[in-house]
Amino acid sequence: MANEVAATQRSLDADVQDSINQMMNQENGLKLPANYAVGNALKSAFFALKGNNDGDLIQVAAHMPEMKTSIANALMDMVVQGLTPAKTQVYFIRYGNQVKMQRSYFGTQAALKRLSEVHDCWANVVHEGDGLEIGAEDDRLVVRDWKPTLEGLDKEIKYVYAVIEMADGTHQHTIMTFKQIKNSWSQTRSKGAVQNKFSDEMAKRTVLNRAAKNILNTSDDSDLVVGAINNTTSNEYDDDQAAKDVTPKKVTDLIGNADTEEPTPPESTEQTETVEPAEQEEPVDTDTDESSSGEIRSIENMKPGEKQDKDTVNDILDGLEESENHKGDGDDASSTEEGQGELFPPDVHSKF
């Protein structure tokens, strides 16, 4: 077992070193930071992989070709960006049979500084109670003033903004609310579990990644560096999430069928407000009232979507109209409205 693990590590080390050397020897090839030692970075990476929270990943990769390939790709991205686990710039996370490399906030800063257009970059967290003034210059958002407070350090995060200082001395600002940040975290593979434990640093990294998008995708720098930075950023997000279909299965789910279904009955609270007992009622024919009441109940008890014969419903309505006429000429308009209100509230109109 030990020999297999050692052989796997030597194989990974040799493959990555050979690939990097080929990239550097090409015309306009890869250029690493002056003080960056590939061998030392790989040693730190192997140490991190062996002591991973998910166990010895090198040992697992010795018997799983798919994982070995993913580790090789992760190490390549790490070296191309000039990063190392020794400076807490990267960490390795296992997702099933694969291993992905992700940057910390410090790693994101270091990677962006590899770009020729970027001189420096940073992000700040604005807590509840802090002062923040923003504005616009040349149609670009700018942060004019930020006044942090000691009391705010223990309070909730309100906003996070990132600043990228370009090589020409100009500044580019990006700001996000904490709600926007958490929404971004919900799309990650961890669903925000890791981010919520280290909210401040993770929030700064999220905003800095967004700020870098425009620069990365318009950069004249090496495609290798830009591609590695983008690959590492995309490692955090789950591309396999199934989109939720919110389309109604039928149009009738929303509006009902005009030919076969009755309108949706109103809520009980509306009926209580609409139907008020009359102060005085003149005597009416008891037989007619009982017949009409039974017909009303038959309509009210209809279930949504239940089909009824149109002639039957028309007969019921005609019977109701006759019962109203039997009340005599003394009934005023208000009593007629009350009778209609008992059958159909004002906001429901019959189609018959």
Protein backbone atom coordinates (compact mmCIF):
# COMPACT_ATOMS: atom_id res chain seq x y z
CA MET A 1 0.00 0.00 0.00
CA ALA A 2 2.74 2.48 0.98
CA ASN A 3 4.60 1.78 -2.25
CA GLU A 4 1.46 2.45 -4.31
CA VAL A 5 0.86 5.77 -2.57
CA ALA A 6 4.48 6.84 -3.04
CA ALA A 7 4.37 5.83 -6.70
CA THR A 8 1.16 7.82 -7.23
CA GLN A 9 2.70 10.92 -5.65
CA ARG A 10 5.87 10.64 -7.74
CA SER A 11 3.77 10.19 -10.87
CA LEU A 12 1.67 13.27 -10.13
CA ASP A 13 4.75 15.35 -9.30
CA ALA A 14 6.55 14.35 -12.49
CA ASP A 15 3.50 14.88 -14.73
CA VAL A 16 2.83 18.38 -13.38
CA GLN A 17 6.48 19.45 -13.48
CA ASP A 18 6.89 18.21 -17.06
CA SER A 19 3.72 19.99 -18.21
CA ILE A 20 4.76 23.25 -16.55
CA ASN A 21 8.23 23.09 -18.11
CA GLN A 22 6.68 22.61 -21.54
CA MET A 23 4.45 25.63 -21.03
CA MET A 24 7.37 27.79 -19.91
CA ASN A 25 9.58 26.74 -22.84
CA GLN A 26 7.00 27.71 -25.45
CA GLU A 27 7.22 31.05 -27.24
CA ASN A 28 5.42 33.63 -25.09
CA GLY A 29 4.93 30.78 -22.68
CA LEU A 30 3.94 30.67 -19.03
CA LYS A 31 5.75 33.03 -16.66
CA LEU A 32 5.65 32.26 -12.96
CA PRO A 33 6.30 34.74 -10.14
CA ALA A 34 10.00 35.36 -9.53
CA ASN A 35 10.08 33.78 -6.07
CA TYR A 36 7.70 30.93 -6.87
CA ALA A 37 9.18 27.43 -6.60
CA VAL A 38 7.07 24.78 -8.31
CA GLY A 39 8.66 21.94 -6.36
CA ASN A 40 7.99 23.54 -2.98
CA ALA A 41 4.40 24.35 -3.92
CA LEU A 42 3.79 20.74 -4.99
CA LYS A 43 5.27 19.39 -1.75
CA SER A 44 2.90 21.61 0.24
CA ALA A 45 0.02 20.44 -1.93
CA PHE A 46 0.80 16.76 -1.40
CA PHE A 47 0.98 17.36 2.34
CA ALA A 48 -2.46 19.03 2.22
CA LEU A 49 -3.91 16.22 0.11
CA LYS A 50 -2.66 13.53 2.49
CA GLY A 51 -3.99 15.33 5.56
CA ASN A 52 -7.32 16.29 3.99
CA ASN A 53 -10.50 16.27 6.07
CA ASP A 54 -11.81 13.52 3.77
CA GLY A 55 -8.79 11.31 4.42
CA ASP A 56 -5.61 10.59 2.47
CA LEU A 57 -6.65 11.61 -1.05
CA ILE A 58 -3.36 10.43 -2.56
CA GLN A 59 -4.04 6.97 -1.18
CA VAL A 60 -7.56 6.99 -2.65
CA ALA A 61 -6.21 8.22 -6.00
CA ALA A 62 -3.81 5.27 -6.10
CA HIS A 63 -6.81 3.00 -6.73
CA MET A 64 -9.06 5.49 -8.53
CA PRO A 65 -7.79 6.81 -11.90
CA GLU A 66 -10.55 9.42 -12.12
CA MET A 67 -9.47 11.01 -8.85
CA LYS A 68 -5.81 10.92 -9.85
CA THR A 69 -6.63 12.82 -13.05
CA SER A 70 -8.66 15.43 -11.14
CA ILE A 71 -5.78 15.93 -8.66
CA ALA A 72 -3.35 16.45 -11.54
CA ASN A 73 -5.66 19.11 -13.04
CA ALA A 74 -6.05 20.82 -9.67
CA LEU A 75 -2.28 20.93 -9.17
CA MET A 76 -1.81 22.36 -12.66
CA ASP A 77 -4.29 25.16 -11.99
CA MET A 78 -2.56 25.90 -8.69
CA VAL A 79 0.91 26.19 -10.24
CA VAL A 80 -0.23 28.21 -13.27
CA GLN A 81 -1.78 30.78 -10.90
CA GLY A 82 1.39 30.83 -8.81
CA LEU A 83 -0.36 29.70 -5.61
CA THR A 84 0.62 27.46 -2.72
CA PRO A 85 -1.16 25.87 0.27
CA ALA A 86 1.78 26.95 2.45
CA LYS A 87 0.41 30.52 2.40
CA THR A 88 -3.22 29.44 2.89
CA GLN A 89 -3.94 30.48 -0.67
CA VAL A 90 -5.63 27.26 -1.78
CA TYR A 91 -7.33 24.20 -0.34
CA PHE A 92 -8.50 20.92 -1.83
CA ILE A 93 -12.04 19.58 -1.54
CA ARG A 94 -13.32 16.17 -2.52
CA TYR A 95 -16.56 15.92 -4.50
CA GLY A 96 -17.37 12.27 -5.04
CA ASN A 97 -14.61 10.73 -7.17
CA GLN A 98 -13.00 14.08 -7.97
CA VAL A 99 -10.85 16.62 -6.15
CA LYS A 100 -11.24 20.35 -6.81
CA MET A 101 -8.88 23.17 -5.88
CA GLN A 102 -10.40 26.36 -4.50
CA ARG A 103 -8.80 29.69 -3.64
CA SER A 104 -9.01 31.53 -0.36
CA TYR A 105 -9.41 35.32 -0.26
CA PHE A 106 -5.62 35.62 -0.15
CA GLY A 107 -5.30 33.25 -3.08
CA THR A 108 -7.73 35.33 -5.12
CA GLN A 109 -5.70 38.46 -4.39
CA ALA A 110 -2.46 36.76 -5.41
CA ALA A 111 -3.98 35.32 -8.60
CA LEU A 112 -5.40 38.66 -9.74
CA LYS A 113 -2.06 40.37 -9.18
CA ARG A 114 -0.65 38.00 -11.80
CA LEU A 115 -2.53 40.02 -14.41
CA SER A 116 -0.50 42.81 -16.00
CA GLU A 117 -3.40 45.29 -15.79
CA VAL A 118 -3.80 44.85 -12.02
CA HIS A 119 -1.54 46.62 -9.54
CA ASP A 120 -3.41 45.74 -6.35
CA CYS A 121 -6.81 44.54 -5.15
CA TRP A 122 -8.69 44.23 -1.86
CA ALA A 123 -12.16 44.07 -0.34
CA ASN A 124 -13.80 45.51 2.77
CA VAL A 125 -16.77 44.36 4.84
CA VAL A 126 -19.37 46.93 5.90
CA HIS A 127 -21.23 45.94 9.06
CA GLU A 128 -24.45 47.30 10.50
CA GLY A 129 -23.74 50.71 12.00
CA ASP A 130 -20.79 51.50 9.72
CA GLY A 131 -20.90 54.52 7.44
CA LEU A 132 -20.75 54.01 3.68
CA GLU A 133 -21.13 56.61 0.95
CA ILE A 134 -21.28 55.63 -2.70
CA GLY A 135 -21.60 57.63 -5.88
CA ALA A 136 -20.92 57.54 -9.61
CA GLU A 137 -18.16 58.95 -11.79
CA ASP A 138 -18.23 58.61 -15.56
CA ASP A 139 -21.19 56.24 -15.15
CA ARG A 140 -19.14 53.94 -12.93
CA LEU A 141 -19.96 53.13 -9.32
CA VAL A 142 -17.45 54.44 -6.78
CA VAL A 143 -17.16 54.17 -3.00
CA ARG A 144 -16.58 57.71 -1.77
CA ASP A 145 -16.24 57.09 1.94
CA TRP A 146 -16.27 54.19 4.39
CA LYS A 147 -16.39 54.73 8.14
CA PRO A 148 -15.97 51.46 10.06
CA THR A 149 -16.72 51.26 13.77
CA LEU A 150 -15.45 48.92 16.47
CA GLU A 151 -19.02 48.28 17.59
CA GLY A 152 -19.94 47.15 14.08
CA LEU A 153 -17.43 44.29 14.02
CA ASP A 154 -19.77 42.08 16.03
CA LYS A 155 -22.87 43.08 14.07
CA GLU A 156 -24.38 41.67 10.90
CA ILE A 157 -22.76 42.16 7.51
CA LYS A 158 -24.65 44.70 5.39
CA TYR A 159 -22.45 45.19 2.33
CA VAL A 160 -19.07 44.15 0.94
CA TYR A 161 -17.17 46.12 -1.66
CA ALA A 162 -14.04 45.30 -3.64
CA VAL A 163 -11.48 47.65 -5.15
CA ILE A 164 -9.15 46.77 -8.00
CA GLU A 165 -6.34 49.26 -8.51
CA MET A 166 -5.31 49.17 -12.13
CA ALA A 167 -1.78 49.63 -13.42
CA ASP A 168 -2.68 53.13 -14.66
CA GLY A 169 -3.70 54.20 -11.14
CA THR A 170 -7.48 54.10 -11.65
CA HIS A 171 -9.75 52.22 -9.29
CA GLN A 172 -12.63 49.91 -10.14
CA HIS A 173 -15.25 49.39 -7.43
CA THR A 174 -17.75 46.56 -7.04
CA ILE A 175 -20.31 46.38 -4.23
CA MET A 176 -22.76 43.65 -3.21
CA THR A 177 -25.36 43.44 -0.48
CA PHE A 178 -25.09 40.52 1.91
CA LYS A 179 -28.37 39.20 0.50
CA GLN A 180 -26.80 39.05 -2.96
CA ILE A 181 -23.73 37.33 -1.53
CA LYS A 182 -25.78 34.67 0.25
CA ASN A 183 -27.75 34.06 -2.93
CA SER A 184 -24.45 33.42 -4.71
CA TRP A 185 -23.40 31.04 -1.94
CA SER A 186 -26.62 29.08 -2.32
CA GLN A 187 -25.50 28.15 -5.85
CA THR A 188 -22.22 26.62 -4.67
CA ARG A 189 -21.60 22.93 -4.18
CA SER A 190 -21.55 23.37 -0.39
CA LYS A 191 -24.81 25.42 -0.48
CA GLY A 192 -23.13 28.06 1.70
CA ALA A 193 -22.16 25.69 4.54
CA VAL A 194 -18.46 26.56 4.38
CA GLN A 195 -19.05 30.24 3.66
CA ASN A 196 -21.29 30.76 6.68
CA LYS A 197 -18.52 29.58 9.02
CA PHE A 198 -16.09 32.24 7.77
CA SER A 199 -18.51 34.88 6.55
CA ASP A 200 -16.21 37.91 6.42
CA GLU A 201 -13.35 36.36 4.44
CA MET A 202 -15.63 34.34 2.18
CA ALA A 203 -17.79 37.38 1.46
CA LYS A 204 -14.72 39.41 0.48
CA ARG A 205 -13.57 36.63 -1.83
CA THR A 206 -17.00 36.40 -3.47
CA VAL A 207 -17.13 40.12 -4.25
CA LEU A 208 -13.51 40.17 -5.41
CA ASN A 209 -14.24 37.29 -7.80
CA ARG A 210 -17.14 39.25 -9.26
CA ALA A 211 -15.03 42.38 -9.58
CA ALA A 212 -12.38 40.43 -11.48
CA LYS A 213 -14.75 38.99 -14.11
CA ASN A 214 -14.69 41.98 -16.43
CA ILE A 215 -10.90 42.27 -16.21
CA LEU A 216 -10.25 38.56 -16.68
CA ASN A 217 -12.46 38.18 -19.72
CA THR A 218 -10.99 41.24 -21.47
CA SER A 219 -7.37 40.69 -20.45
CA ASP A 220 -4.45 40.46 -22.88
CA ASP A 221 -2.58 38.22 -20.45
CA SER A 222 -1.76 34.59 -21.06
CA ASP A 223 -4.79 32.43 -21.73
CA LEU A 224 -3.22 29.86 -19.41
CA VAL A 225 -3.36 32.18 -16.41
CA VAL A 226 -6.83 33.54 -17.18
CA GLY A 227 -8.15 30.06 -17.88
CA ALA A 228 -6.74 28.69 -14.63
CA ILE A 229 -8.28 31.54 -12.61
CA ASN A 230 -11.68 31.03 -14.24
CA ASN A 231 -11.48 27.25 -13.79
CA THR A 232 -10.81 27.60 -10.08
CA THR A 233 -13.69 30.04 -9.64
CA SER A 234 -16.10 27.73 -11.48
CA ASN A 235 -15.02 24.78 -9.30
CA GLU A 236 -17.15 26.16 -6.48
CA TYR A 237 -20.41 26.13 -8.38
CA ASP A 238 -22.62 23.15 -9.07
CA ASP A 239 -23.38 22.99 -12.78
CA ASP A 240 -25.54 19.88 -12.30
CA GLN A 241 -28.31 21.56 -10.32
CA ALA A 242 -31.69 20.79 -11.82
CA ALA A 243 -33.70 23.88 -12.62
CA LYS A 244 -37.07 24.03 -10.93
CA ASP A 245 -39.95 24.05 -13.43
CA VAL A 246 -42.52 26.58 -12.32
CA THR A 247 -44.63 26.42 -15.50
CA PRO A 248 -48.29 25.49 -14.77
CA LYS A 249 -49.16 22.07 -16.13
CA LYS A 250 -52.40 23.42 -17.59
CA VAL A 251 -53.78 26.86 -18.22
CA THR A 252 -56.87 25.80 -16.28
CA ASP A 253 -54.65 25.46 -13.19
CA LEU A 254 -54.58 29.25 -13.14
CA ILE A 255 -57.91 30.47 -14.61
CA GLY A 256 -60.16 27.40 -14.79
CA ASN A 257 -62.18 26.19 -17.77
CA ALA A 258 -64.72 28.75 -18.88
CA ASP A 259 -67.08 26.13 -20.34
CA THR A 260 -67.06 23.44 -17.68
CA GLU A 261 -66.04 24.98 -14.37
CA GLU A 262 -67.64 27.44 -12.05
CA PRO A 263 -65.67 30.53 -10.96
CA THR A 264 -63.49 30.00 -7.89
CA PRO A 265 -65.63 30.61 -4.81
CA PRO A 266 -64.60 33.62 -2.71
CA GLU A 267 -62.99 33.29 0.70
CA SER A 268 -65.27 33.02 3.69
CA THR A 269 -64.05 36.37 5.05
CA GLU A 270 -65.29 38.17 1.96
CA GLN A 271 -68.71 36.56 2.25
CA THR A 272 -68.96 37.65 5.86
CA GLU A 273 -68.23 41.25 4.93
CA THR A 274 -70.52 41.28 1.88
CA VAL A 275 -73.66 39.60 3.18
CA GLU A 276 -75.40 41.58 5.89
CA PRO A 277 -78.81 40.70 7.34
CA ALA A 278 -81.61 43.05 6.33
CA GLU A 279 -83.13 45.06 9.16
CA GLN A 280 -86.68 44.27 8.01
CA GLU A 281 -87.91 41.53 5.76
CA GLU A 282 -91.41 41.15 4.40
CA PRO A 283 -92.98 37.68 4.61
CA VAL A 284 -92.44 35.55 1.58
CA ASP A 285 -93.73 32.28 0.28
CA THR A 286 -92.17 29.60 2.49
CA ASP A 287 -92.33 26.87 -0.14
CA THR A 288 -90.61 29.05 -2.69
CA ASP A 289 -87.90 30.05 -0.22
CA GLU A 290 -87.19 26.47 0.77
CA SER A 291 -86.98 25.42 -2.86
CA SER A 292 -84.70 28.32 -3.69
CA SER A 293 -82.52 27.67 -0.66
CA GLY A 294 -82.05 24.08 -1.69
CA GLU A 295 -81.06 25.17 -5.17
CA ILE A 296 -78.61 27.73 -3.77
CA ARG A 297 -77.04 25.11 -1.56
CA SER A 298 -76.65 22.79 -4.55
CA ILE A 299 -74.67 25.50 -6.32
CA GLU A 300 -72.63 26.52 -3.29
CA ASN A 301 -71.70 22.91 -2.61
CA MET A 302 -70.32 22.42 -6.09
CA LYS A 303 -66.63 21.54 -5.97
CA PRO A 304 -64.12 23.48 -8.12
CA GLY A 305 -63.83 21.79 -11.49
CA GLU A 306 -67.18 19.89 -11.08
CA LYS A 307 -69.16 19.85 -14.31
CA GLN A 308 -72.82 20.92 -14.37
CA ASP A 309 -75.41 20.90 -17.10
CA LYS A 310 -75.95 24.45 -18.35
CA ASP A 311 -79.72 23.94 -18.67
CA THR A 312 -79.90 22.79 -15.05
CA VAL A 313 -78.02 25.84 -13.83
CA ASN A 314 -80.15 28.15 -16.00
CA ASP A 315 -83.32 26.60 -14.56
CA ILE A 316 -82.04 27.21 -11.05
CA LEU A 317 -81.27 30.85 -11.82
CA ASP A 318 -84.69 31.35 -13.47
CA GLY A 319 -86.32 29.90 -10.36
CA LEU A 320 -84.42 32.31 -8.17
CA GLU A 321 -85.51 35.24 -10.31
CA GLU A 322 -89.14 34.20 -9.97
CA SER A 323 -88.80 33.86 -6.21
CA GLU A 324 -87.47 37.41 -6.05
CA ASN A 325 -90.45 38.68 -8.05
CA HIS A 326 -92.86 37.02 -5.58
CA LYS A 327 -91.58 39.25 -2.82
CA GLY A 328 -93.75 42.06 -4.12
CA ASP A 329 -93.29 45.53 -5.50
CA GLY A 330 -92.35 46.91 -2.08
CA ASP A 331 -88.82 45.48 -2.19
CA ASP A 332 -86.25 48.16 -2.87
CA ALA A 333 -83.01 47.88 -4.83
CA SER A 334 -80.94 47.17 -1.74
CA SER A 335 -82.87 43.99 -0.94
CA THR A 336 -82.38 42.81 -4.51
CA GLU A 337 -78.65 43.39 -4.21
CA GLU A 338 -78.65 41.42 -0.97
CA GLY A 339 -80.34 38.48 -2.66
CA GLN A 340 -77.74 38.53 -5.43
CA GLY A 341 -74.96 38.90 -2.92
CA GLU A 342 -75.99 35.66 -1.24
CA LEU A 343 -75.43 33.81 -4.51
CA PHE A 344 -72.55 35.72 -6.08
CA PRO A 345 -70.43 38.26 -4.18
CA PRO A 346 -69.77 41.57 -5.96
CA ASP A 347 -66.33 40.45 -7.17
CA VAL A 348 -67.66 37.25 -8.79
CA HIS A 349 -69.67 37.46 -12.03
CA SER A 350 -71.65 34.59 -13.46
CA LYS A 351 -71.06 33.67 -17.07
CA PHE A 352 -74.71 32.68 -17.60
